[in-house]
Amino acid sequence: MIRQDISRLRKNRGLHFSIGLSISLAFCIMAFNYEVAPPVYHEQEILVIDHDIEFESVITKWPDRKPPPPPQPKLAPIVIPTDDPIPEIFEPEKKFEIETDGKEVVVAKPSPKPMAPPPPKPLPKPQVEEIHKVVQEMPRFGDCEDLKDEKERKICSDRNIMQYVHGQLKYPSMARETGIEGTVVATFVVEKDGSLSNIKIARDIGGGCGDEVIRVLRGMPTWSAGKQQGRKVKVQFNIPVKFQLQ
């Protein structure tokens, strides 16, 4: 039975194809001719615009601004003398102008600031008096001023120095026990008043010999001060002291 139905369909296949094509064509024509009805507005749904509503206008051009006021000339500060060691400087009143819709706003001037005191002047450096080593008239010891020749006065002074030193000198016991002999060189400064200062030992042989020379020089009487161009000056002086066992 199924085979008979299939054979029947095949027999009418052309008719069926024509019917289906006609139906499809009719649907396409109906689709192209379909019209959509315009919307219907009800009277109560229509929006009514109130004419009293204000609309904000758009600014397309800025208003002309007033030119700034001319700058005020600067005045020199006025110094008022006072007994106060720190002077104060009062400046003339200043106005600070702020433009607000053509109105001028004046702000109070700031309080004057005291002027800082000037720095103190530097102290002068202490002048160190020069100490000479060689002068026109060297210092002398003893009564040698009566001699006219400078060379004779020098020989006289050296002899007086050696006589005084060897007369006051005591051989140190430590140097004597250990057999120390030699020459001690002492250096000192003859001041303008003839006194001796800055007594030092330039060369020592030990055994207490240097300390003994310093002791003797500290007890010396005053000298005749050295002179340069007729005025008294400080002079450095050196003397050798010989230690020898007998």
Protein backbone atom coordinates (compact mmCIF):
# COMPACT_ATOMS: atom_id res chain seq x y z
CA MET A 1 0.00 0.00 0.00
CA ILE A 2 2.85 2.31 0.80
CA ARG A 3 4.34 1.66 -2.58
CA GLN A 4 1.08 2.64 -4.27
CA ASP A 5 1.04 6.02 -2.41
CA ILE A 6 4.63 6.74 -3.42
CA SER A 7 3.89 5.91 -7.07
CA ARG A 8 0.86 8.18 -6.98
CA LEU A 9 2.91 11.10 -5.63
CA ARG A 10 5.51 10.67 -8.26
CA LYS A 11 2.78 10.60 -10.87
CA ASN A 12 1.36 14.01 -9.73
CA ARG A 13 4.73 15.60 -8.87
CA GLY A 14 4.50 18.31 -11.50
CA LEU A 15 1.04 19.32 -10.32
CA HIS A 16 2.14 19.53 -6.74
CA PHE A 17 5.18 21.65 -7.67
CA SER A 18 3.00 24.12 -9.57
CA ILE A 19 0.57 24.44 -6.65
CA GLY A 20 3.37 25.09 -4.15
CA LEU A 21 5.02 27.66 -6.40
CA SER A 22 1.70 29.48 -6.87
CA ILE A 23 1.13 29.63 -3.09
CA SER A 24 4.67 30.98 -2.48
CA LEU A 25 4.26 33.63 -5.15
CA ALA A 26 0.94 34.74 -3.66
CA PHE A 27 2.56 35.16 -0.19
CA CYS A 28 5.37 37.30 -1.68
CA ILE A 29 2.88 39.60 -3.43
CA MET A 30 0.86 40.01 -0.25
CA ALA A 31 4.00 40.83 1.71
CA PHE A 32 5.06 43.61 -0.69
CA ASN A 33 1.58 45.13 -0.73
CA TYR A 34 1.19 45.16 3.08
CA GLU A 35 0.74 48.72 4.50
CA VAL A 36 1.26 49.78 8.10
CA ALA A 37 -1.46 52.00 9.52
CA PRO A 38 -0.22 55.48 10.79
CA PRO A 39 -0.13 55.92 14.56
CA VAL A 40 -3.15 57.49 16.17
CA TYR A 41 -2.52 60.17 18.81
CA HIS A 42 -5.13 60.79 21.42
CA GLU A 43 -5.86 64.37 22.37
CA GLN A 44 -4.93 63.94 26.04
CA GLU A 45 -1.46 62.57 25.17
CA ILE A 46 -0.32 65.63 23.16
CA LEU A 47 2.44 67.57 25.00
CA VAL A 48 1.65 71.27 25.29
CA ILE A 49 4.75 73.55 25.60
CA ASP A 50 4.33 76.48 27.91
CA HIS A 51 5.49 79.71 26.27
CA ASP A 52 6.52 81.22 29.65
CA ILE A 53 9.53 78.89 30.00
CA GLU A 54 12.82 80.83 29.87
CA PHE A 55 15.66 79.49 27.79
CA GLU A 56 19.27 80.19 28.82
CA SER A 57 21.09 82.12 26.14
CA VAL A 58 24.53 80.97 25.06
CA ILE A 59 27.30 83.57 25.50
CA THR A 60 29.25 83.89 22.30
CA LYS A 61 31.28 87.02 23.22
CA TRP A 62 32.85 88.00 26.55
CA PRO A 63 32.11 91.53 27.83
CA ASP A 64 34.91 94.07 27.58
CA ARG A 65 37.02 94.14 30.77
CA LYS A 66 38.27 97.40 32.21
CA PRO A 67 42.02 98.02 31.88
CA PRO A 68 44.04 97.64 35.13
CA PRO A 69 44.94 100.84 37.00
CA PRO A 70 48.40 102.31 36.31
CA PRO A 71 51.16 101.16 38.73
CA GLN A 72 51.86 103.47 41.63
CA PRO A 73 55.39 104.93 41.88
CA LYS A 74 57.58 103.38 44.57
CA LEU A 75 58.61 105.79 47.30
CA ALA A 76 61.86 105.58 49.21
CA PRO A 77 61.51 104.22 52.77
CA ILE A 78 61.43 106.80 55.57
CA VAL A 79 63.91 106.16 58.40
CA ILE A 80 62.82 107.55 61.77
CA PRO A 81 65.78 107.96 64.17
CA THR A 82 65.22 106.33 67.55
CA ASP A 83 67.32 105.46 70.57
CA ASP A 84 66.81 101.81 69.78
CA PRO A 85 70.04 100.23 68.46
CA ILE A 86 67.97 98.39 65.84
CA PRO A 87 66.47 101.04 63.52
CA GLU A 88 63.05 100.45 62.06
CA ILE A 89 62.12 101.41 58.53
CA PHE A 90 58.53 102.50 57.90
CA GLU A 91 57.44 102.26 54.30
CA PRO A 92 54.61 104.40 52.87
CA GLU A 93 51.17 102.90 52.94
CA LYS A 94 50.53 100.47 50.13
CA LYS A 95 47.18 99.56 48.62
CA PHE A 96 46.44 96.20 47.16
CA GLU A 97 43.66 96.57 44.56
CA ILE A 98 41.40 93.68 43.59
CA GLU A 99 38.94 94.27 40.75
CA THR A 100 35.46 92.88 41.47
CA ASP A 101 32.75 94.13 39.09
CA GLY A 102 34.35 97.56 38.86
CA LYS A 103 34.66 98.00 42.65
CA GLU A 104 37.94 98.56 44.46
CA VAL A 105 38.71 96.56 47.58
CA VAL A 106 41.50 97.94 49.82
CA VAL A 107 43.36 95.46 51.98
CA ALA A 108 45.17 96.67 55.12
CA LYS A 109 48.91 97.13 54.70
CA PRO A 110 51.25 94.60 56.36
CA SER A 111 52.99 95.53 59.58
CA PRO A 112 56.52 96.97 59.10
CA LYS A 113 59.40 94.57 59.70
CA PRO A 114 62.40 95.75 61.74
CA MET A 115 65.62 96.07 59.83
CA ALA A 116 68.38 93.65 60.81
CA PRO A 117 71.38 95.29 62.51
CA PRO A 118 74.54 95.60 60.42
CA PRO A 119 77.15 92.90 60.98
CA PRO A 120 79.86 93.81 63.47
CA LYS A 121 83.11 95.03 62.07
CA PRO A 122 85.89 92.42 62.12
CA LEU A 123 88.41 92.93 64.84
CA PRO A 124 91.82 94.03 63.63
CA LYS A 125 94.38 91.28 63.59
CA PRO A 126 96.91 91.62 66.39
CA GLN A 127 100.19 92.80 65.04
CA VAL A 128 103.00 90.39 65.85
CA GLU A 129 106.18 92.30 66.41
CA GLU A 130 109.05 91.07 64.32
CA ILE A 131 111.93 89.32 66.02
CA HIS A 132 115.24 90.13 64.35
CA LYS A 133 118.24 87.85 64.14
CA VAL A 134 120.80 90.37 62.89
CA VAL A 135 120.59 94.12 63.57
CA GLN A 136 122.89 97.09 63.27
CA GLU A 137 123.62 97.09 67.03
CA MET A 138 123.41 93.62 68.58
CA PRO A 139 122.36 93.21 72.25
CA ARG A 140 125.18 93.41 74.74
CA PHE A 141 125.72 92.20 78.29
CA GLY A 142 127.79 94.00 80.89
CA ASP A 143 129.53 97.37 80.94
CA CYS A 144 130.72 97.64 77.36
CA GLU A 145 129.08 100.89 76.26
CA ASP A 146 132.19 102.97 76.87
CA LEU A 147 134.01 101.22 74.03
CA LYS A 148 133.75 103.12 70.73
CA ASP A 149 134.39 100.24 68.31
CA GLU A 150 131.43 97.89 67.68
CA LYS A 151 133.76 94.92 67.33
CA GLU A 152 135.34 95.64 70.71
CA ARG A 153 131.91 95.97 72.32
CA LYS A 154 130.92 92.56 70.94
CA ILE A 155 134.09 90.93 72.29
CA CYS A 156 133.47 92.56 75.66
CA SER A 157 129.85 91.36 75.75
CA ASP A 158 130.77 87.74 74.85
CA ARG A 159 133.44 87.68 77.57
CA ASN A 160 130.98 88.98 80.18
CA ILE A 161 128.37 86.38 79.17
CA MET A 162 130.81 83.46 79.51
CA GLN A 163 132.14 84.74 82.84
CA TYR A 164 128.64 85.09 84.25
CA VAL A 165 127.35 81.73 82.96
CA HIS A 166 130.37 79.70 84.05
CA GLY A 167 130.40 81.51 87.39
CA GLN A 168 126.76 80.55 88.07
CA LEU A 169 126.78 77.15 86.38
CA LYS A 170 126.81 73.97 88.47
CA TYR A 171 127.72 70.67 86.89
CA PRO A 172 124.69 68.36 87.25
CA SER A 173 125.39 65.36 89.50
CA MET A 174 123.78 62.94 87.03
CA ALA A 175 125.99 64.21 84.19
CA ARG A 176 129.08 64.07 86.43
CA GLU A 177 128.38 60.47 87.60
CA THR A 178 127.75 59.24 84.06
CA GLY A 179 130.68 61.22 82.60
CA ILE A 180 128.59 63.35 80.23
CA GLU A 181 130.53 66.13 78.49
CA GLY A 182 129.72 68.39 75.55
CA THR A 183 128.26 71.72 74.44
CA VAL A 184 124.69 72.84 75.12
CA VAL A 185 123.27 75.48 72.75
CA ALA A 186 120.65 77.79 74.25
CA THR A 187 118.43 80.28 72.39
CA PHE A 188 116.43 83.21 73.78
CA VAL A 189 115.00 86.63 72.85
CA VAL A 190 116.41 89.89 74.22
CA GLU A 191 113.40 92.18 74.68
CA LYS A 192 113.37 95.97 74.20
CA ASP A 193 113.77 96.47 77.96
CA GLY A 194 116.80 94.13 78.07
CA SER A 195 115.02 91.17 79.72
CA LEU A 196 115.28 87.62 78.38
CA SER A 197 112.23 85.66 77.17
CA ASN A 198 111.39 82.45 75.30
CA ILE A 199 114.45 80.67 76.69
CA LYS A 200 114.86 77.26 75.00
CA ILE A 201 117.52 74.61 74.48
CA ALA A 202 118.38 74.13 70.80
CA ARG A 203 120.83 71.27 71.49
CA ASP A 204 121.11 69.23 74.69
CA ILE A 205 123.61 66.59 75.83
CA GLY A 206 121.42 65.14 78.58
CA GLY A 207 122.11 64.46 82.22
CA GLY A 208 120.31 67.67 83.28
CA CYS A 209 122.79 69.99 81.54
CA GLY A 210 120.09 71.73 79.48
CA ASP A 211 117.94 72.42 82.54
CA GLU A 212 120.97 73.89 84.35
CA VAL A 213 121.64 76.32 81.48
CA ILE A 214 117.98 77.48 81.48
CA ARG A 215 118.20 78.10 85.24
CA VAL A 216 121.30 80.27 84.85
CA LEU A 217 119.87 82.31 81.94
CA ARG A 218 116.65 83.04 83.83
CA GLY A 219 118.66 84.63 86.62
CA MET A 220 120.75 86.92 84.37
CA PRO A 221 120.59 90.71 84.84
CA THR A 222 119.19 92.90 82.07
CA TRP A 223 121.02 93.42 78.80
CA SER A 224 121.44 96.40 76.52
CA ALA A 225 118.69 96.02 73.90
CA GLY A 226 119.52 95.68 70.22
CA LYS A 227 118.89 98.61 67.86
CA GLN A 228 117.86 98.88 64.22
CA GLN A 229 118.01 102.33 62.61
CA GLY A 230 118.30 103.91 66.05
CA ARG A 231 115.21 102.26 67.63
CA LYS A 232 115.12 99.32 70.04
CA VAL A 233 113.91 95.98 68.63
CA LYS A 234 113.58 92.37 69.73
CA VAL A 235 116.59 90.22 68.86
CA GLN A 236 117.04 86.46 68.96
CA PHE A 237 120.31 85.42 70.57
CA ASN A 238 122.14 82.08 70.78
CA ILE A 239 124.94 81.09 73.15
CA PRO A 240 126.92 77.83 73.48
CA VAL A 241 127.71 76.51 76.97
CA LYS A 242 130.45 73.90 77.25
CA PHE A 243 130.40 71.19 79.94
CA GLN A 244 133.79 69.55 80.63
CA LEU A 245 134.87 67.38 83.54
CA GLN A 246 138.19 68.24 85.20
